[in-house]
């Protein structure tokens, strides 16, 4: 899979980031919230990202 960085909240490797793939999907890097209280399948996960990341992606017309 080819992954392309679209937008991040900083220039470091460990910040919330949105990536595009050559599969027509997105990958999202963020924190795993321990207190979400949701029941999700074992093969899935949740990540929490700041609203500013999505706002930046939208204003930059990336998504």
PDB file of N, CA and C in Angstrom:
ATOM      1  N   UNK A   1       0.840  -1.171   0.000  1.00  0.00           N
ATOM      2  CA  UNK A   1       0.000   0.000   0.000  1.00  0.00           C
ATOM      3  C   UNK A   1       0.885   1.233   0.000  1.00  0.00           C
ATOM      4  N   UNK A   2       0.571   2.183  -0.878  1.00  0.00           N
ATOM      5  CA  UNK A   2       1.285   3.457  -0.900  1.00  0.00           C
ATOM      6  C   UNK A   2       0.518   4.446  -0.019  1.00  0.00           C
ATOM      7  N   UNK A   3       1.241   5.122   0.876  1.00  0.00           N
ATOM      8  CA  UNK A   3       0.636   6.056   1.820  1.00  0.00           C
ATOM      9  C   UNK A   3       1.232   7.445   1.589  1.00  0.00           C
ATOM     10  N   UNK A   4       0.364   8.457   1.497  1.00  0.00           N
ATOM     11  CA  UNK A   4       0.793   9.838   1.293  1.00  0.00           C
ATOM     12  C   UNK A   4       0.265  10.707   2.424  1.00  0.00           C
ATOM     13  N   UNK A   5       1.153  11.446   3.075  1.00  0.00           N
ATOM     14  CA  UNK A   5       0.753  12.347   4.155  1.00  0.00           C
ATOM     15  C   UNK A   5      -0.016  13.521   3.564  1.00  0.00           C
ATOM     16  N   UNK A   6      -1.221  13.764   4.079  1.00  0.00           N
ATOM     17  CA  UNK A   6      -2.036  14.881   3.601  1.00  0.00           C
ATOM     18  C   UNK A   6      -1.912  16.104   4.496  1.00  0.00           C
ATOM     19  N   UNK A   7      -2.128  15.903   5.794  1.00  0.00           N
ATOM     20  CA  UNK A   7      -2.142  17.030   6.721  1.00  0.00           C
ATOM     21  C   UNK A   7      -1.813  16.535   8.130  1.00  0.00           C
ATOM     22  N   UNK A   8      -1.131  17.396   8.878  1.00  0.00           N
ATOM     23  CA  UNK A   8      -0.746  17.068  10.242  1.00  0.00           C
ATOM     24  C   UNK A   8      -0.838  18.331  11.087  1.00  0.00           C
ATOM     25  N   UNK A   9      -0.856  18.148  12.405  1.00  0.00           N
ATOM     26  CA  UNK A   9      -0.887  19.311  13.283  1.00  0.00           C
ATOM     27  C   UNK A   9       0.519  19.765  13.650  1.00  0.00           C
ATOM     28  N   UNK A  10       1.545  19.048  13.209  1.00  0.00           N
ATOM     29  CA  UNK A  10       2.930  19.480  13.431  1.00  0.00           C
ATOM     30  C   UNK A  10       3.852  18.744  12.463  1.00  0.00           C
ATOM     31  N   UNK A  11       5.129  19.056  12.492  1.00  0.00           N
ATOM     32  CA  UNK A  11       6.094  18.446  11.575  1.00  0.00           C
ATOM     33  C   UNK A  11       6.760  17.195  12.144  1.00  0.00           C
ATOM     34  N   UNK A  12       6.432  16.817  13.371  1.00  0.00           N
ATOM     35  CA  UNK A  12       7.024  15.629  13.985  1.00  0.00           C
ATOM     36  C   UNK A  12       6.297  14.377  13.526  1.00  0.00           C
ATOM     37  N   UNK A  13       6.878  13.214  13.810  1.00  0.00           N
ATOM     38  CA  UNK A  13       6.273  11.953  13.390  1.00  0.00           C
ATOM     39  C   UNK A  13       5.134  11.502  14.300  1.00  0.00           C
ATOM     40  N   UNK A  14       5.055  12.020  15.513  1.00  0.00           N
ATOM     41  CA  UNK A  14       4.086  11.497  16.480  1.00  0.00           C
ATOM     42  C   UNK A  14       2.910  12.433  16.733  1.00  0.00           C
ATOM     43  N   UNK A  15       2.474  13.159  15.733  1.00  0.00           N
ATOM     44  CA  UNK A  15       1.338  14.071  15.859  1.00  0.00           C
ATOM     45  C   UNK A  15       0.135  13.520  15.099  1.00  0.00           C
ATOM     46  N   UNK A  16      -1.074  13.949  15.469  1.00  0.00           N
ATOM     47  CA  UNK A  16      -2.242  13.545  14.687  1.00  0.00           C
ATOM     48  C   UNK A  16      -2.056  13.909  13.209  1.00  0.00           C
ATOM     49  N   UNK A  17      -2.321  12.941  12.351  1.00  0.00           N
ATOM     50  CA  UNK A  17      -2.061  13.088  10.916  1.00  0.00           C
ATOM     51  C   UNK A  17      -3.126  12.352  10.117  1.00  0.00           C
ATOM     52  N   UNK A  18      -3.453  12.862   8.940  1.00  0.00           N
ATOM     53  CA  UNK A  18      -4.322  12.163   7.993  1.00  0.00           C
ATOM     54  C   UNK A  18      -3.489  11.804   6.775  1.00  0.00           C
ATOM     55  N   UNK A  19      -3.573  10.551   6.358  1.00  0.00           N
ATOM     56  CA  UNK A  19      -2.865  10.039   5.192  1.00  0.00           C
ATOM     57  C   UNK A  19      -3.875   9.537   4.166  1.00  0.00           C
ATOM     58  N   UNK A  20      -3.540   9.608   2.888  1.00  0.00           N
ATOM     59  CA  UNK A  20      -4.323   8.998   1.813  1.00  0.00           C
ATOM     60  C   UNK A  20      -3.578   7.755   1.353  1.00  0.00           C
ATOM     61  N   UNK A  21      -4.318   6.754   0.913  1.00  0.00           N
ATOM     62  CA  UNK A  21      -3.695   5.541   0.388  1.00  0.00           C
ATOM     63  C   UNK A  21      -4.019   5.387  -1.093  1.00  0.00           C
ATOM     64  N   UNK A  22      -3.280   4.523  -1.746  1.00  0.00           N
ATOM     65  CA  UNK A  22      -3.554   4.236  -3.153  1.00  0.00           C
ATOM     66  C   UNK A  22      -4.742   3.293  -3.312  1.00  0.00           C
ATOM     67  N   UNK A  23      -5.393   2.950  -2.212  1.00  0.00           N
ATOM     68  CA  UNK A  23      -6.591   2.111  -2.236  1.00  0.00           C
ATOM     69  C   UNK A  23      -7.867   2.954  -2.231  1.00  0.00           C
ATOM     70  N   UNK A  24      -7.696   4.286  -2.223  1.00  0.00           N
ATOM     71  CA  UNK A  24      -8.857   5.171  -2.153  1.00  0.00           C
ATOM     72  C   UNK A  24      -9.403   5.291  -0.740  1.00  0.00           C
ATOM     73  N   UNK A  25      -8.539   5.093   0.259  1.00  0.00           N
ATOM     74  CA  UNK A  25      -8.941   5.189   1.658  1.00  0.00           C
ATOM     75  C   UNK A  25      -8.044   6.184   2.389  1.00  0.00           C
ATOM     76  N   UNK A  26      -8.391   6.456   3.646  1.00  0.00           N
ATOM     77  CA  UNK A  26      -7.588   7.320   4.497  1.00  0.00           C
ATOM     78  C   UNK A  26      -7.104   6.551   5.706  1.00  0.00           C
ATOM     79  N   UNK A  27      -5.926   6.903   6.194  1.00  0.00           N
ATOM     80  CA  UNK A  27      -5.415   6.420   7.469  1.00  0.00           C
ATOM     81  C   UNK A  27      -5.354   7.628   8.391  1.00  0.00           C
ATOM     82  N   UNK A  28      -5.730   7.437   9.648  1.00  0.00           N
ATOM     83  CA  UNK A  28      -5.719   8.528  10.617  1.00  0.00           C
ATOM     84  C   UNK A  28      -4.838   8.127  11.789  1.00  0.00           C
ATOM     85  N   UNK A  29      -3.896   8.989  12.106  1.00  0.00           N
ATOM     86  CA  UNK A  29      -3.018   8.768  13.248  1.00  0.00           C
ATOM     87  C   UNK A  29      -3.481   9.684  14.373  1.00  0.00           C
ATOM     88  N   UNK A  30      -3.653   9.125  15.555  1.00  0.00           N
ATOM     89  CA  UNK A  30      -4.080   9.914  16.700  1.00  0.00           C
ATOM     90  C   UNK A  30      -3.941   9.113  17.981  1.00  0.00           C
ATOM     91  N   UNK A  31      -4.464   9.641  19.054  1.00  0.00           N
ATOM     92  CA  UNK A  31      -4.425   8.988  20.358  1.00  0.00           C
ATOM     93  C   UNK A  31      -5.522   7.926  20.443  1.00  0.00           C
ATOM     94  N   UNK A  32      -5.255   6.841  21.160  1.00  0.00           N
ATOM     95  CA  UNK A  32      -6.273   5.846  21.443  1.00  0.00           C
ATOM     96  C   UNK A  32      -6.947   6.232  22.755  1.00  0.00           C
ATOM     97  N   UNK A  33      -8.215   6.624  22.720  1.00  0.00           N
ATOM     98  CA  UNK A  33      -8.879   7.048  23.951  1.00  0.00           C
ATOM     99  C   UNK A  33      -9.249   5.837  24.816  1.00  0.00           C
ATOM    100  N   UNK A  34      -8.790   5.800  26.055  1.00  0.00           N
ATOM    101  CA  UNK A  34      -9.055   4.650  26.906  1.00  0.00           C
ATOM    102  C   UNK A  34     -10.466   4.654  27.503  1.00  0.00           C
ATOM    103  N   UNK A  35     -11.150   5.775  27.479  1.00  0.00           N
ATOM    104  CA  UNK A  35     -12.418   5.913  28.186  1.00  0.00           C
ATOM    105  C   UNK A  35     -13.624   6.115  27.277  1.00  0.00           C
ATOM    106  N   UNK A  36     -13.600   5.538  26.073  1.00  0.00           N
ATOM    107  CA  UNK A  36     -14.686   5.790  25.125  1.00  0.00           C
ATOM    108  C   UNK A  36     -15.968   5.048  25.478  1.00  0.00           C
ATOM    109  N   UNK A  37     -15.902   3.939  26.164  1.00  0.00           N
ATOM    110  CA  UNK A  37     -17.088   3.204  26.587  1.00  0.00           C
ATOM    111  C   UNK A  37     -17.872   2.540  25.474  1.00  0.00           C
ATOM    112  N   UNK A  38     -17.300   2.434  24.289  1.00  0.00           N
ATOM    113  CA  UNK A  38     -17.992   1.823  23.148  1.00  0.00           C
ATOM    114  C   UNK A  38     -17.603   0.356  22.993  1.00  0.00           C
ATOM    115  N   UNK A  39     -18.500  -0.415  22.399  1.00  0.00           N
ATOM    116  CA  UNK A  39     -18.219  -1.809  22.057  1.00  0.00           C
ATOM    117  C   UNK A  39     -17.851  -1.838  20.573  1.00  0.00           C
ATOM    118  N   UNK A  40     -16.588  -2.116  20.271  1.00  0.00           N
ATOM    119  CA  UNK A  40     -16.167  -2.193  18.876  1.00  0.00           C
ATOM    120  C   UNK A  40     -15.540  -3.556  18.627  1.00  0.00           C
ATOM    121  N   UNK A  41     -15.591  -4.054  17.390  1.00  0.00           N
ATOM    122  CA  UNK A  41     -15.010  -5.353  17.082  1.00  0.00           C
ATOM    123  C   UNK A  41     -13.510  -5.376  17.367  1.00  0.00           C
ATOM    124  N   UNK A  42     -12.996  -6.547  17.689  1.00  0.00           N
ATOM    125  CA  UNK A  42     -11.580  -6.715  18.029  1.00  0.00           C
ATOM    126  C   UNK A  42     -10.657  -6.318  16.879  1.00  0.00           C
ATOM    127  N   UNK A  43     -11.126  -6.432  15.636  1.00  0.00           N
ATOM    128  CA  UNK A  43     -10.285  -6.110  14.477  1.00  0.00           C
ATOM    129  C   UNK A  43     -10.313  -4.617  14.127  1.00  0.00           C
ATOM    130  N   UNK A  44     -11.057  -3.809  14.897  1.00  0.00           N
ATOM    131  CA  UNK A  44     -11.122  -2.379  14.663  1.00  0.00           C
ATOM    132  C   UNK A  44     -10.570  -1.630  15.874  1.00  0.00           C
ATOM    133  N   UNK A  45     -10.293  -0.342  15.681  1.00  0.00           N
ATOM    134  CA  UNK A  45      -9.829   0.495  16.776  1.00  0.00           C
ATOM    135  C   UNK A  45     -10.401   1.892  16.611  1.00  0.00           C
ATOM    136  N   UNK A  46     -10.284   2.693  17.632  1.00  0.00           N
ATOM    137  CA  UNK A  46     -10.694   4.091  17.588  1.00  0.00           C
ATOM    138  C   UNK A  46      -9.466   4.961  17.804  1.00  0.00           C
ATOM    139  N   UNK A  47      -9.413   6.085  17.116  1.00  0.00           N
ATOM    140  CA  UNK A  47      -8.381   7.085  17.395  1.00  0.00           C
ATOM    141  C   UNK A  47      -9.073   8.421  17.556  1.00  0.00           C
ATOM    142  N   UNK A  48      -8.508   9.254  18.405  1.00  0.00           N
ATOM    143  CA  UNK A  48      -9.049  10.577  18.648  1.00  0.00           C
ATOM    144  C   UNK A  48      -8.108  11.605  18.029  1.00  0.00           C
ATOM    145  N   UNK A  49      -8.672  12.496  17.226  1.00  0.00           N
ATOM    146  CA  UNK A  49      -7.868  13.537  16.579  1.00  0.00           C
ATOM    147  C   UNK A  49      -8.475  14.898  16.888  1.00  0.00           C
ATOM    148  N   UNK A  50      -7.669  15.947  16.899  1.00  0.00           N
ATOM    149  CA  UNK A  50      -8.214  17.271  17.177  1.00  0.00           C
ATOM    150  C   UNK A  50      -9.051  17.791  16.008  1.00  0.00           C
ATOM    151  N   UNK A  51     -10.081  18.552  16.334  1.00  0.00           N
ATOM    152  CA  UNK A  51     -10.943  19.144  15.313  1.00  0.00           C
ATOM    153  C   UNK A  51     -10.132  19.994  14.343  1.00  0.00           C
ATOM    154  N   UNK A  52      -9.082  20.668  14.839  1.00  0.00           N
ATOM    155  CA  UNK A  52      -8.272  21.530  13.973  1.00  0.00           C
ATOM    156  C   UNK A  52      -7.632  20.741  12.827  1.00  0.00           C
ATOM    157  N   UNK A  53      -7.369  19.458  13.026  1.00  0.00           N
ATOM    158  CA  UNK A  53      -6.781  18.648  11.955  1.00  0.00           C
ATOM    159  C   UNK A  53      -7.772  18.498  10.804  1.00  0.00           C
ATOM    160  N   UNK A  54      -9.017  18.186  11.113  1.00  0.00           N
ATOM    161  CA  UNK A  54     -10.033  18.078  10.063  1.00  0.00           C
ATOM    162  C   UNK A  54     -10.320  19.432   9.421  1.00  0.00           C
ATOM    163  N   UNK A  55     -10.369  20.489  10.225  1.00  0.00           N
ATOM    164  CA  UNK A  55     -10.589  21.833   9.677  1.00  0.00           C
ATOM    165  C   UNK A  55      -9.489  22.221   8.713  1.00  0.00           C
ATOM    166  N   UNK A  56      -8.247  21.885   9.064  1.00  0.00           N
ATOM    167  CA  UNK A  56      -7.097  22.193   8.195  1.00  0.00           C
ATOM    168  C   UNK A  56      -7.195  21.386   6.898  1.00  0.00           C
ATOM    169  N   UNK A  57      -7.543  20.103   7.001  1.00  0.00           N
ATOM    170  CA  UNK A  57      -7.667  19.266   5.813  1.00  0.00           C
ATOM    171  C   UNK A  57      -8.755  19.798   4.888  1.00  0.00           C
ATOM    172  N   UNK A  58      -9.866  20.244   5.455  1.00  0.00           N
ATOM    173  CA  UNK A  58     -10.954  20.783   4.655  1.00  0.00           C
ATOM    174  C   UNK A  58     -10.571  22.127   4.038  1.00  0.00           C
ATOM    175  N   UNK A  59      -9.991  23.019   4.835  1.00  0.00           N
ATOM    176  CA  UNK A  59      -9.629  24.334   4.302  1.00  0.00           C
ATOM    177  C   UNK A  59      -8.534  24.241   3.249  1.00  0.00           C
ATOM    178  N   UNK A  60      -7.667  23.235   3.354  1.00  0.00           N
ATOM    179  CA  UNK A  60      -6.621  23.007   2.351  1.00  0.00           C
ATOM    180  C   UNK A  60      -7.151  22.179   1.169  1.00  0.00           C
ATOM    181  N   UNK A  61      -8.456  21.857   1.186  1.00  0.00           N
ATOM    182  CA  UNK A  61      -9.119  21.069   0.139  1.00  0.00           C
ATOM    183  C   UNK A  61      -8.460  19.711  -0.099  1.00  0.00           C
ATOM    184  N   UNK A  62      -8.065  19.080   0.993  1.00  0.00           N
ATOM    185  CA  UNK A  62      -7.423  17.763   0.909  1.00  0.00           C
ATOM    186  C   UNK A  62      -8.441  16.636   1.048  1.00  0.00           C
ATOM    187  N   UNK A  63      -9.537  16.927   1.722  1.00  0.00           N
ATOM    188  CA  UNK A  63     -10.622  15.928   1.875  1.00  0.00           C
ATOM    189  C   UNK A  63     -11.943  16.617   1.653  1.00  0.00           C
TER     190      UNK A  63
END
